[in-house]
Amino acid sequence: MSDVAMEVAFAACNVVAREALLLDAQRWDDWLALYADDARFWLPAWTDDQRCAASPERELSLIY
């Protein structure tokens, strides 16, 4: 893995860790501030015991 790829991976891990800390602390406004104003956050629903929903446009979502 190149140095640039390592830096990108490290930065991505930091964003995910920060997001998790904010959610765990219930700091909702700070968590929302991580996203651009026009961002969509989609959490897919399970369509059955084996399969997750694949499309926010065509299938029910638990949180939108």
Protein backbone atom coordinates (compact mmCIF):
# COMPACT_ATOMS: atom_id res chain seq x y z
CA MET A 1 0.00 0.00 0.00
CA SER A 2 1.38 3.41 -0.96
CA ASP A 3 1.94 6.21 1.52
CA VAL A 4 -0.96 8.18 0.01
CA ALA A 5 -3.31 5.20 0.30
CA MET A 6 -2.23 4.72 3.92
CA GLU A 7 -2.93 8.39 4.67
CA VAL A 8 -6.38 8.18 3.06
CA ALA A 9 -7.20 4.99 4.98
CA PHE A 10 -6.04 6.58 8.24
CA ALA A 11 -8.12 9.71 7.58
CA ALA A 12 -11.20 7.59 6.79
CA CYS A 13 -10.74 5.62 10.02
CA ASN A 14 -10.52 8.88 11.96
CA VAL A 15 -13.79 10.14 10.46
CA VAL A 16 -15.58 6.90 11.32
CA ALA A 17 -14.15 6.92 14.87
CA ARG A 18 -15.19 10.56 15.37
CA GLU A 19 -18.67 9.80 14.09
CA ALA A 20 -18.97 6.86 16.48
CA LEU A 21 -17.81 8.94 19.45
CA LEU A 22 -20.31 11.69 18.66
CA LEU A 23 -23.15 9.19 18.33
CA ASP A 24 -22.19 7.40 21.55
CA ALA A 25 -22.14 10.75 23.37
CA GLN A 26 -25.52 11.65 21.83
CA ARG A 27 -24.04 14.84 20.39
CA TRP A 28 -26.53 14.91 17.53
CA ASP A 29 -25.83 18.43 16.28
CA ASP A 30 -22.08 17.77 16.14
CA TRP A 31 -22.74 14.49 14.33
CA LEU A 32 -24.99 16.20 11.80
CA ALA A 33 -22.31 18.85 11.26
CA LEU A 34 -20.04 16.14 9.81
CA TYR A 35 -22.31 15.97 6.77
CA ALA A 36 -22.76 18.41 3.90
CA ASP A 37 -26.10 20.23 3.84
CA ASP A 38 -27.23 18.26 0.80
CA ALA A 39 -26.05 14.86 2.06
CA ARG A 40 -28.44 11.93 2.37
CA PHE A 41 -28.08 9.44 5.20
CA TRP A 42 -29.80 6.18 4.38
CA LEU A 43 -29.92 3.15 6.64
CA PRO A 44 -31.24 0.16 4.70
CA ALA A 45 -33.99 -1.98 6.11
CA TRP A 46 -34.03 -5.76 6.01
CA THR A 47 -36.45 -7.02 3.39
CA ASP A 48 -36.37 -10.50 4.97
CA ASP A 49 -34.11 -12.51 7.30
CA GLN A 50 -31.44 -12.88 4.62
CA ARG A 51 -31.51 -9.74 2.49
CA CYS A 52 -31.01 -6.03 3.05
CA ALA A 53 -32.88 -3.42 1.03
CA ALA A 54 -30.69 -2.15 -1.79
CA SER A 55 -32.28 1.11 -2.92
CA PRO A 56 -33.45 4.16 -0.97
CA GLU A 57 -35.50 5.14 -4.01
CA ARG A 58 -37.49 1.89 -4.25
CA GLU A 59 -37.46 0.22 -0.81
CA LEU A 60 -38.51 1.09 2.71
CA SER A 61 -35.83 2.58 4.94
CA LEU A 62 -35.67 2.45 8.74
CA ILE A 63 -34.18 5.94 9.01
CA TYR A 64 -34.10 8.57 6.31
